[in-house]
Amino acid sequence: MKRLLSMLCALLAAIGLPACDYVNVRDLQPGVSTSTEVRDRFGPPQHEWPNDDGSVTWEYSRQPEGAECYMITIGTDNILRTLDQVINEQSFARVERGMTGKEVSRLLGKPASSQYFDLKKETVWDWLIERGTTLQDPTYFTVSFNTEGRVVGTGRYTKPRP
């Protein structure tokens, strides 16, 4: 039964539905689960971030439709070290003026979208942080970059439903 549920979750994840993330996260244990178990549950990472200590952090972004991005760190022994959902207030607070796009991506994962505003000469990346409901519109966190690719500010907006 557990294997059937894992296969169903993998199928849903493959078509872009993060519905099974709760089950996948719950079943993985830092210090116990292996990199193979992580791959079996989440699939191949969308990006691999090497760390100074030889470990690697795998990125599993659920953007643009999901409001999650999991950064999963695997040690040199192929054992899960940490599993963090980084679309949160603590991560947003770590975005600082002057950071590069690569540094921001390392913190928050792949953005939901990117737009260039010619009049301001800025590129704005945004991440869905609240999907919204029938009563509430979706909310986004934004990071603005100047022409040198450096952060000049952050913000939020709510996107009215059509």
N, C-alpha and C. Protein backbone atom coordinates (compact mmCIF):
# COMPACT_ATOMS: atom_id res chain seq x y z
N MET A 1 0.82 -1.19 0.00
CA MET A 1 0.00 0.00 0.00
C MET A 1 0.87 1.26 0.00
N LYS A 2 1.93 1.24 0.82
CA LYS A 2 2.82 2.39 0.90
C LYS A 2 3.50 2.64 -0.45
N ARG A 3 3.87 1.56 -1.11
CA ARG A 3 4.51 1.68 -2.42
C ARG A 3 3.54 2.26 -3.44
N LEU A 4 2.28 1.84 -3.40
CA LEU A 4 1.27 2.36 -4.31
C LEU A 4 1.07 3.85 -4.09
N LEU A 5 1.03 4.27 -2.82
CA LEU A 5 0.88 5.69 -2.49
C LEU A 5 2.08 6.48 -2.99
N SER A 6 3.27 5.94 -2.83
CA SER A 6 4.48 6.61 -3.31
C SER A 6 4.46 6.76 -4.83
N MET A 7 4.01 5.73 -5.53
CA MET A 7 3.93 5.80 -6.99
C MET A 7 2.90 6.85 -7.42
N LEU A 8 1.77 6.90 -6.73
CA LEU A 8 0.74 7.89 -7.04
C LEU A 8 1.28 9.29 -6.80
N CYS A 9 1.97 9.49 -5.70
CA CYS A 9 2.57 10.79 -5.39
C CYS A 9 3.59 11.19 -6.46
N ALA A 10 4.42 10.25 -6.88
CA ALA A 10 5.42 10.53 -7.92
C ALA A 10 4.74 10.94 -9.22
N LEU A 11 3.64 10.27 -9.56
CA LEU A 11 2.89 10.62 -10.77
C LEU A 11 2.32 12.02 -10.66
N LEU A 12 1.69 12.34 -9.53
CA LEU A 12 1.12 13.67 -9.34
C LEU A 12 2.20 14.75 -9.36
N ALA A 13 3.34 14.46 -8.74
CA ALA A 13 4.44 15.42 -8.74
C ALA A 13 4.96 15.64 -10.16
N ALA A 14 5.01 14.58 -10.95
CA ALA A 14 5.51 14.68 -12.32
C ALA A 14 4.64 15.58 -13.18
N ILE A 15 3.35 15.64 -12.87
CA ILE A 15 2.47 16.52 -13.66
C ILE A 15 2.25 17.86 -12.96
N GLY A 16 3.08 18.13 -11.94
CA GLY A 16 3.07 19.44 -11.33
C GLY A 16 2.14 19.63 -10.15
N LEU A 17 1.65 18.58 -9.55
CA LEU A 17 0.77 18.71 -8.40
C LEU A 17 1.52 18.33 -7.13
N PRO A 18 1.72 19.28 -6.21
CA PRO A 18 2.46 18.99 -4.99
C PRO A 18 1.62 18.36 -3.89
N ALA A 19 0.52 17.75 -4.23
CA ALA A 19 -0.41 17.20 -3.24
C ALA A 19 0.22 16.19 -2.31
N CYS A 20 1.23 15.50 -2.76
CA CYS A 20 1.82 14.44 -1.94
C CYS A 20 3.05 14.89 -1.16
N ASP A 21 3.41 16.17 -1.26
CA ASP A 21 4.58 16.65 -0.52
C ASP A 21 4.44 16.41 0.97
N TYR A 22 3.26 16.59 1.50
CA TYR A 22 3.04 16.38 2.93
C TYR A 22 3.46 14.96 3.33
N VAL A 23 3.03 13.97 2.55
CA VAL A 23 3.37 12.57 2.84
C VAL A 23 4.86 12.35 2.68
N ASN A 24 5.44 12.88 1.61
CA ASN A 24 6.87 12.70 1.35
C ASN A 24 7.72 13.31 2.46
N VAL A 25 7.40 14.52 2.86
CA VAL A 25 8.16 15.20 3.91
C VAL A 25 8.02 14.47 5.24
N ARG A 26 6.82 14.05 5.56
CA ARG A 26 6.56 13.36 6.83
C ARG A 26 7.36 12.06 6.94
N ASP A 27 7.52 11.35 5.84
CA ASP A 27 8.16 10.04 5.87
C ASP A 27 9.69 10.10 5.83
N LEU A 28 10.26 11.24 5.48
CA LEU A 28 11.72 11.36 5.43
C LEU A 28 12.24 11.86 6.77
N GLN A 29 13.35 11.27 7.23
CA GLN A 29 13.91 11.62 8.54
C GLN A 29 15.37 12.03 8.41
N PRO A 30 15.70 13.30 8.78
CA PRO A 30 17.11 13.70 8.77
C PRO A 30 17.94 12.78 9.66
N GLY A 31 19.13 12.42 9.17
CA GLY A 31 20.02 11.54 9.90
C GLY A 31 19.73 10.07 9.68
N VAL A 32 18.63 9.76 9.00
CA VAL A 32 18.23 8.36 8.79
C VAL A 32 18.00 8.08 7.30
N SER A 33 17.17 8.89 6.65
CA SER A 33 16.81 8.64 5.25
C SER A 33 18.01 8.84 4.33
N THR A 34 18.02 8.07 3.25
CA THR A 34 19.13 8.13 2.30
C THR A 34 18.77 9.01 1.10
N SER A 35 19.79 9.36 0.32
CA SER A 35 19.57 10.15 -0.89
C SER A 35 18.68 9.39 -1.87
N THR A 36 18.79 8.08 -1.88
CA THR A 36 17.94 7.26 -2.76
C THR A 36 16.47 7.39 -2.35
N GLU A 37 16.20 7.38 -1.06
CA GLU A 37 14.82 7.55 -0.59
C GLU A 37 14.27 8.93 -0.97
N VAL A 38 15.12 9.95 -0.86
CA VAL A 38 14.69 11.30 -1.25
C VAL A 38 14.34 11.33 -2.73
N ARG A 39 15.21 10.76 -3.57
CA ARG A 39 14.94 10.74 -5.02
C ARG A 39 13.70 9.91 -5.35
N ASP A 40 13.50 8.81 -4.63
CA ASP A 40 12.31 7.99 -4.86
C ASP A 40 11.03 8.77 -4.57
N ARG A 41 11.08 9.64 -3.58
CA ARG A 41 9.89 10.39 -3.17
C ARG A 41 9.70 11.69 -3.95
N PHE A 42 10.80 12.40 -4.23
CA PHE A 42 10.70 13.71 -4.87
C PHE A 42 11.11 13.72 -6.34
N GLY A 43 11.79 12.66 -6.79
CA GLY A 43 12.30 12.66 -8.15
C GLY A 43 13.63 13.37 -8.24
N PRO A 44 14.13 13.60 -9.45
CA PRO A 44 15.41 14.29 -9.59
C PRO A 44 15.26 15.77 -9.19
N PRO A 45 16.28 16.34 -8.56
CA PRO A 45 16.18 17.75 -8.17
C PRO A 45 16.18 18.66 -9.40
N GLN A 46 15.55 19.82 -9.25
CA GLN A 46 15.55 20.79 -10.34
C GLN A 46 16.87 21.54 -10.42
N HIS A 47 17.55 21.59 -9.28
CA HIS A 47 18.86 22.24 -9.24
C HIS A 47 19.66 21.61 -8.09
N GLU A 48 20.96 21.52 -8.27
CA GLU A 48 21.84 21.02 -7.21
C GLU A 48 22.80 22.14 -6.82
N TRP A 49 22.80 22.46 -5.53
CA TRP A 49 23.65 23.51 -4.99
C TRP A 49 24.78 22.86 -4.17
N PRO A 50 26.03 22.93 -4.64
CA PRO A 50 27.14 22.36 -3.86
C PRO A 50 27.42 23.24 -2.63
N ASN A 51 27.74 22.61 -1.52
CA ASN A 51 28.07 23.31 -0.28
C ASN A 51 29.56 23.16 0.02
N ASP A 52 30.10 24.11 0.79
CA ASP A 52 31.54 24.14 1.09
C ASP A 52 32.04 22.87 1.78
N ASP A 53 31.18 22.20 2.56
CA ASP A 53 31.60 21.01 3.31
C ASP A 53 31.51 19.72 2.50
N GLY A 54 31.19 19.83 1.19
CA GLY A 54 31.11 18.64 0.34
C GLY A 54 29.70 18.10 0.21
N SER A 55 28.78 18.56 1.05
CA SER A 55 27.38 18.15 0.92
C SER A 55 26.76 18.87 -0.28
N VAL A 56 25.56 18.48 -0.64
CA VAL A 56 24.85 19.11 -1.74
C VAL A 56 23.41 19.37 -1.31
N THR A 57 22.88 20.51 -1.74
CA THR A 57 21.48 20.84 -1.45
C THR A 57 20.70 20.71 -2.74
N TRP A 58 19.66 19.88 -2.68
CA TRP A 58 18.79 19.67 -3.85
C TRP A 58 17.59 20.58 -3.74
N GLU A 59 17.28 21.25 -4.85
CA GLU A 59 16.14 22.16 -4.90
C GLU A 59 14.94 21.48 -5.56
N TYR A 60 13.80 21.58 -4.89
CA TYR A 60 12.53 21.08 -5.42
C TYR A 60 11.51 22.21 -5.30
N SER A 61 11.46 23.05 -6.33
CA SER A 61 10.53 24.19 -6.32
C SER A 61 9.17 23.75 -6.87
N ARG A 62 8.13 24.21 -6.23
CA ARG A 62 6.77 23.93 -6.69
C ARG A 62 6.16 25.15 -7.38
N GLN A 63 6.98 26.18 -7.62
CA GLN A 63 6.54 27.36 -8.35
C GLN A 63 6.32 26.97 -9.81
N PRO A 64 5.44 27.56 -10.58
CA PRO A 64 4.67 28.75 -10.28
C PRO A 64 3.30 28.48 -9.62
N GLU A 65 2.83 27.24 -9.63
CA GLU A 65 1.49 26.97 -9.10
C GLU A 65 1.47 26.68 -7.61
N GLY A 66 2.57 26.15 -7.08
CA GLY A 66 2.64 25.83 -5.66
C GLY A 66 3.35 26.92 -4.90
N ALA A 67 3.09 26.99 -3.61
CA ALA A 67 3.70 28.02 -2.76
C ALA A 67 4.80 27.41 -1.90
N GLU A 68 5.52 26.43 -2.45
CA GLU A 68 6.56 25.76 -1.70
C GLU A 68 7.84 25.64 -2.53
N CYS A 69 8.95 25.57 -1.82
CA CYS A 69 10.22 25.20 -2.42
C CYS A 69 10.99 24.47 -1.33
N TYR A 70 11.31 23.22 -1.58
CA TYR A 70 12.05 22.40 -0.62
C TYR A 70 13.52 22.41 -0.98
N MET A 71 14.35 22.75 0.00
CA MET A 71 15.80 22.64 -0.13
C MET A 71 16.21 21.48 0.77
N ILE A 72 16.72 20.42 0.15
CA ILE A 72 17.03 19.18 0.86
C ILE A 72 18.54 18.94 0.78
N THR A 73 19.19 18.97 1.93
CA THR A 73 20.64 18.81 1.98
C THR A 73 21.01 17.36 2.26
N ILE A 74 21.89 16.84 1.39
CA ILE A 74 22.38 15.47 1.47
C ILE A 74 23.87 15.53 1.81
N GLY A 75 24.28 14.81 2.86
CA GLY A 75 25.67 14.80 3.28
C GLY A 75 26.55 13.98 2.35
N THR A 76 27.85 14.03 2.59
CA THR A 76 28.80 13.27 1.79
C THR A 76 28.60 11.76 1.99
N ASP A 77 27.91 11.39 3.06
CA ASP A 77 27.60 9.97 3.33
C ASP A 77 26.28 9.53 2.69
N ASN A 78 25.68 10.41 1.86
CA ASN A 78 24.41 10.14 1.17
C ASN A 78 23.23 9.99 2.13
N ILE A 79 23.33 10.63 3.29
CA ILE A 79 22.25 10.64 4.27
C ILE A 79 21.63 12.04 4.31
N LEU A 80 20.31 12.09 4.40
CA LEU A 80 19.58 13.34 4.50
C LEU A 80 20.00 14.10 5.75
N ARG A 81 20.43 15.35 5.57
CA ARG A 81 20.81 16.19 6.72
C ARG A 81 19.65 17.09 7.12
N THR A 82 19.15 17.88 6.15
CA THR A 82 18.07 18.81 6.44
C THR A 82 17.06 18.83 5.31
N LEU A 83 15.84 19.15 5.65
CA LEU A 83 14.76 19.30 4.68
C LEU A 83 13.99 20.55 5.09
N ASP A 84 14.13 21.61 4.27
CA ASP A 84 13.52 22.90 4.61
C ASP A 84 12.60 23.37 3.50
N GLN A 85 11.44 23.88 3.92
CA GLN A 85 10.52 24.56 3.00
C GLN A 85 10.89 26.03 3.13
N VAL A 86 11.49 26.63 2.07
CA VAL A 86 12.12 27.94 2.19
C VAL A 86 11.24 29.12 1.79
N ILE A 87 10.04 28.86 1.33
CA ILE A 87 9.14 29.97 1.02
C ILE A 87 8.46 30.34 2.33
N ASN A 88 9.16 31.20 3.10
CA ASN A 88 8.68 31.60 4.43
C ASN A 88 9.30 32.94 4.82
N GLU A 89 8.77 33.52 5.89
CA GLU A 89 9.21 34.84 6.33
C GLU A 89 10.69 34.89 6.70
N GLN A 90 11.22 33.82 7.29
CA GLN A 90 12.63 33.81 7.67
C GLN A 90 13.53 33.92 6.44
N SER A 91 13.18 33.20 5.38
CA SER A 91 13.98 33.27 4.15
C SER A 91 13.84 34.63 3.48
N PHE A 92 12.62 35.18 3.45
CA PHE A 92 12.43 36.50 2.84
C PHE A 92 13.29 37.55 3.55
N ALA A 93 13.39 37.45 4.87
CA ALA A 93 14.15 38.42 5.66
C ALA A 93 15.65 38.34 5.36
N ARG A 94 16.11 37.24 4.82
CA ARG A 94 17.53 37.06 4.51
C ARG A 94 17.93 37.68 3.17
N VAL A 95 16.94 38.08 2.35
CA VAL A 95 17.24 38.73 1.07
C VAL A 95 17.69 40.16 1.38
N GLU A 96 18.90 40.50 0.95
CA GLU A 96 19.47 41.81 1.27
C GLU A 96 19.83 42.57 0.01
N ARG A 97 19.79 43.88 0.14
CA ARG A 97 20.19 44.78 -0.94
C ARG A 97 21.62 44.44 -1.36
N GLY A 98 21.85 44.35 -2.67
CA GLY A 98 23.19 44.06 -3.20
C GLY A 98 23.43 42.59 -3.54
N MET A 99 22.55 41.70 -3.09
CA MET A 99 22.72 40.27 -3.41
C MET A 99 22.55 40.05 -4.92
N THR A 100 23.16 38.98 -5.43
CA THR A 100 23.01 38.60 -6.83
C THR A 100 21.79 37.69 -7.01
N GLY A 101 21.39 37.51 -8.25
CA GLY A 101 20.29 36.60 -8.55
C GLY A 101 20.61 35.17 -8.11
N LYS A 102 21.86 34.77 -8.26
CA LYS A 102 22.26 33.43 -7.85
C LYS A 102 22.11 33.26 -6.34
N GLU A 103 22.48 34.27 -5.59
CA GLU A 103 22.35 34.22 -4.13
C GLU A 103 20.88 34.15 -3.71
N VAL A 104 20.04 34.90 -4.39
CA VAL A 104 18.61 34.88 -4.07
C VAL A 104 18.01 33.52 -4.44
N SER A 105 18.39 33.00 -5.59
CA SER A 105 17.90 31.67 -6.00
C SER A 105 18.33 30.60 -5.01
N ARG A 106 19.52 30.74 -4.46
CA ARG A 106 20.01 29.77 -3.47
C ARG A 106 19.15 29.80 -2.21
N LEU A 107 18.63 30.97 -1.86
CA LEU A 107 17.76 31.11 -0.69
C LEU A 107 16.32 30.64 -0.94
N LEU A 108 15.75 31.05 -2.09
CA LEU A 108 14.31 30.88 -2.33
C LEU A 108 13.96 29.90 -3.44
N GLY A 109 14.94 29.45 -4.20
CA GLY A 109 14.66 28.57 -5.32
C GLY A 109 14.19 29.35 -6.53
N LYS A 110 13.78 28.61 -7.52
CA LYS A 110 13.34 29.20 -8.79
C LYS A 110 12.09 30.04 -8.58
N PRO A 111 12.08 31.27 -9.13
CA PRO A 111 10.89 32.11 -8.98
C PRO A 111 9.74 31.63 -9.86
N ALA A 112 8.53 32.07 -9.51
CA ALA A 112 7.35 31.75 -10.32
C ALA A 112 7.41 32.46 -11.66
N SER A 113 7.93 33.70 -11.65
CA SER A 113 8.05 34.45 -12.91
C SER A 113 9.09 35.55 -12.77
N SER A 114 9.44 36.11 -13.91
CA SER A 114 10.41 37.20 -13.98
C SER A 114 9.92 38.19 -15.04
N GLN A 115 9.96 39.47 -14.70
CA GLN A 115 9.55 40.50 -15.65
C GLN A 115 10.56 41.64 -15.64
N TYR A 116 10.77 42.23 -16.83
CA TYR A 116 11.64 43.40 -16.93
C TYR A 116 10.76 44.63 -17.11
N PHE A 117 11.03 45.67 -16.31
CA PHE A 117 10.30 46.92 -16.41
C PHE A 117 11.24 47.97 -16.99
N ASP A 118 10.98 48.33 -18.26
CA ASP A 118 11.87 49.20 -19.01
C ASP A 118 11.99 50.59 -18.38
N LEU A 119 10.89 51.18 -17.93
CA LEU A 119 10.95 52.53 -17.37
C LEU A 119 11.80 52.59 -16.10
N LYS A 120 11.69 51.57 -15.27
CA LYS A 120 12.48 51.55 -14.03
C LYS A 120 13.86 50.93 -14.23
N LYS A 121 14.04 50.26 -15.36
CA LYS A 121 15.29 49.54 -15.63
C LYS A 121 15.55 48.51 -14.54
N GLU A 122 14.50 47.77 -14.19
CA GLU A 122 14.59 46.74 -13.16
C GLU A 122 13.95 45.44 -13.65
N THR A 123 14.50 44.34 -13.16
CA THR A 123 13.92 43.03 -13.35
C THR A 123 13.32 42.61 -12.02
N VAL A 124 12.09 42.11 -12.06
CA VAL A 124 11.42 41.70 -10.83
C VAL A 124 11.10 40.21 -10.92
N TRP A 125 11.57 39.48 -9.93
CA TRP A 125 11.23 38.07 -9.78
C TRP A 125 10.15 37.97 -8.72
N ASP A 126 9.22 37.03 -8.90
CA ASP A 126 8.24 36.82 -7.84
C ASP A 126 8.02 35.35 -7.55
N TRP A 127 7.63 35.09 -6.29
CA TRP A 127 7.35 33.76 -5.79
C TRP A 127 5.94 33.76 -5.20
N LEU A 128 5.14 32.77 -5.58
CA LEU A 128 3.82 32.61 -4.99
C LEU A 128 4.01 32.20 -3.54
N ILE A 129 3.42 32.96 -2.61
CA ILE A 129 3.57 32.63 -1.20
C ILE A 129 2.24 32.25 -0.54
N GLU A 130 1.14 32.59 -1.20
CA GLU A 130 -0.19 32.22 -0.71
C GLU A 130 -1.06 31.97 -1.93
N ARG A 131 -1.50 30.72 -2.09
CA ARG A 131 -2.26 30.35 -3.28
C ARG A 131 -3.57 31.11 -3.42
N GLY A 132 -4.15 31.47 -2.31
CA GLY A 132 -5.45 32.12 -2.35
C GLY A 132 -6.56 31.08 -2.30
N THR A 133 -7.75 31.57 -2.11
CA THR A 133 -8.94 30.73 -2.03
C THR A 133 -10.04 31.40 -2.84
N THR A 134 -11.23 30.87 -2.75
CA THR A 134 -12.34 31.52 -3.45
C THR A 134 -12.64 32.89 -2.84
N LEU A 135 -12.21 33.11 -1.59
CA LEU A 135 -12.44 34.40 -0.92
C LEU A 135 -11.20 35.29 -0.87
N GLN A 136 -10.04 34.74 -1.16
CA GLN A 136 -8.79 35.49 -1.04
C GLN A 136 -7.96 35.32 -2.31
N ASP A 137 -7.38 36.42 -2.80
CA ASP A 137 -6.54 36.39 -3.99
C ASP A 137 -5.13 35.90 -3.65
N PRO A 138 -4.41 35.33 -4.63
CA PRO A 138 -3.05 34.86 -4.38
C PRO A 138 -2.09 36.02 -4.06
N THR A 139 -1.09 35.74 -3.22
CA THR A 139 -0.10 36.74 -2.80
C THR A 139 1.29 36.30 -3.24
N TYR A 140 2.11 37.28 -3.62
CA TYR A 140 3.46 37.02 -4.12
C TYR A 140 4.49 37.85 -3.35
N PHE A 141 5.68 37.28 -3.17
CA PHE A 141 6.85 37.98 -2.66
C PHE A 141 7.69 38.35 -3.87
N THR A 142 8.20 39.59 -3.91
CA THR A 142 8.97 40.05 -5.06
C THR A 142 10.37 40.48 -4.66
N VAL A 143 11.30 40.31 -5.60
CA VAL A 143 12.66 40.81 -5.45
C VAL A 143 12.99 41.57 -6.74
N SER A 144 13.42 42.83 -6.57
CA SER A 144 13.77 43.69 -7.71
C SER A 144 15.28 43.77 -7.85
N PHE A 145 15.75 43.67 -9.11
CA PHE A 145 17.17 43.71 -9.43
C PHE A 145 17.45 44.88 -10.37
N ASN A 146 18.59 45.55 -10.18
CA ASN A 146 18.99 46.62 -11.08
C ASN A 146 19.63 46.03 -12.34
N THR A 147 20.14 46.89 -13.20
CA THR A 147 20.73 46.43 -14.47
C THR A 147 22.02 45.65 -14.26
N GLU A 148 22.65 45.78 -13.08
CA GLU A 148 23.84 44.97 -12.77
C GLU A 148 23.47 43.63 -12.16
N GLY A 149 22.18 43.36 -12.01
CA GLY A 149 21.74 42.08 -11.45
C GLY A 149 21.83 42.02 -9.93
N ARG A 150 21.79 43.16 -9.27
CA ARG A 150 21.87 43.23 -7.81
C ARG A 150 20.51 43.63 -7.22
N VAL A 151 20.20 43.05 -6.06
CA VAL A 151 18.93 43.35 -5.40
C VAL A 151 18.88 44.83 -5.00
N VAL A 152 17.76 45.47 -5.37
CA VAL A 152 17.54 46.86 -4.96
C VAL A 152 16.33 46.97 -4.03
N GLY A 153 15.56 45.91 -3.90
CA GLY A 153 14.41 45.95 -3.00
C GLY A 153 13.57 44.70 -3.07
N THR A 154 12.69 44.58 -2.09
CA THR A 154 11.75 43.46 -2.04
C THR A 154 10.35 44.03 -1.79
N GLY A 155 9.35 43.21 -2.00
CA GLY A 155 7.99 43.66 -1.76
C GLY A 155 7.01 42.51 -1.81
N ARG A 156 5.75 42.85 -1.81
CA ARG A 156 4.66 41.88 -1.91
C ARG A 156 3.54 42.49 -2.72
N TYR A 157 2.78 41.63 -3.34
CA TYR A 157 1.56 42.11 -3.98
C TYR A 157 0.53 40.99 -4.01
N THR A 158 -0.70 41.38 -4.09
CA THR A 158 -1.81 40.44 -4.23
C THR A 158 -2.34 40.58 -5.64
N LYS A 159 -2.49 39.47 -6.31
CA LYS A 159 -2.93 39.48 -7.70
C LYS A 159 -4.42 39.19 -7.75
N PRO A 160 -5.21 40.18 -8.14
CA PRO A 160 -6.67 39.94 -8.22
C PRO A 160 -7.00 38.85 -9.24
N ARG A 161 -7.92 38.02 -8.89
CA ARG A 161 -8.37 36.97 -9.82
C ARG A 161 -9.21 37.61 -10.92
N PRO A 162 -9.10 37.09 -12.14
CA PRO A 162 -9.89 37.64 -13.26
C PRO A 162 -11.39 37.41 -13.06
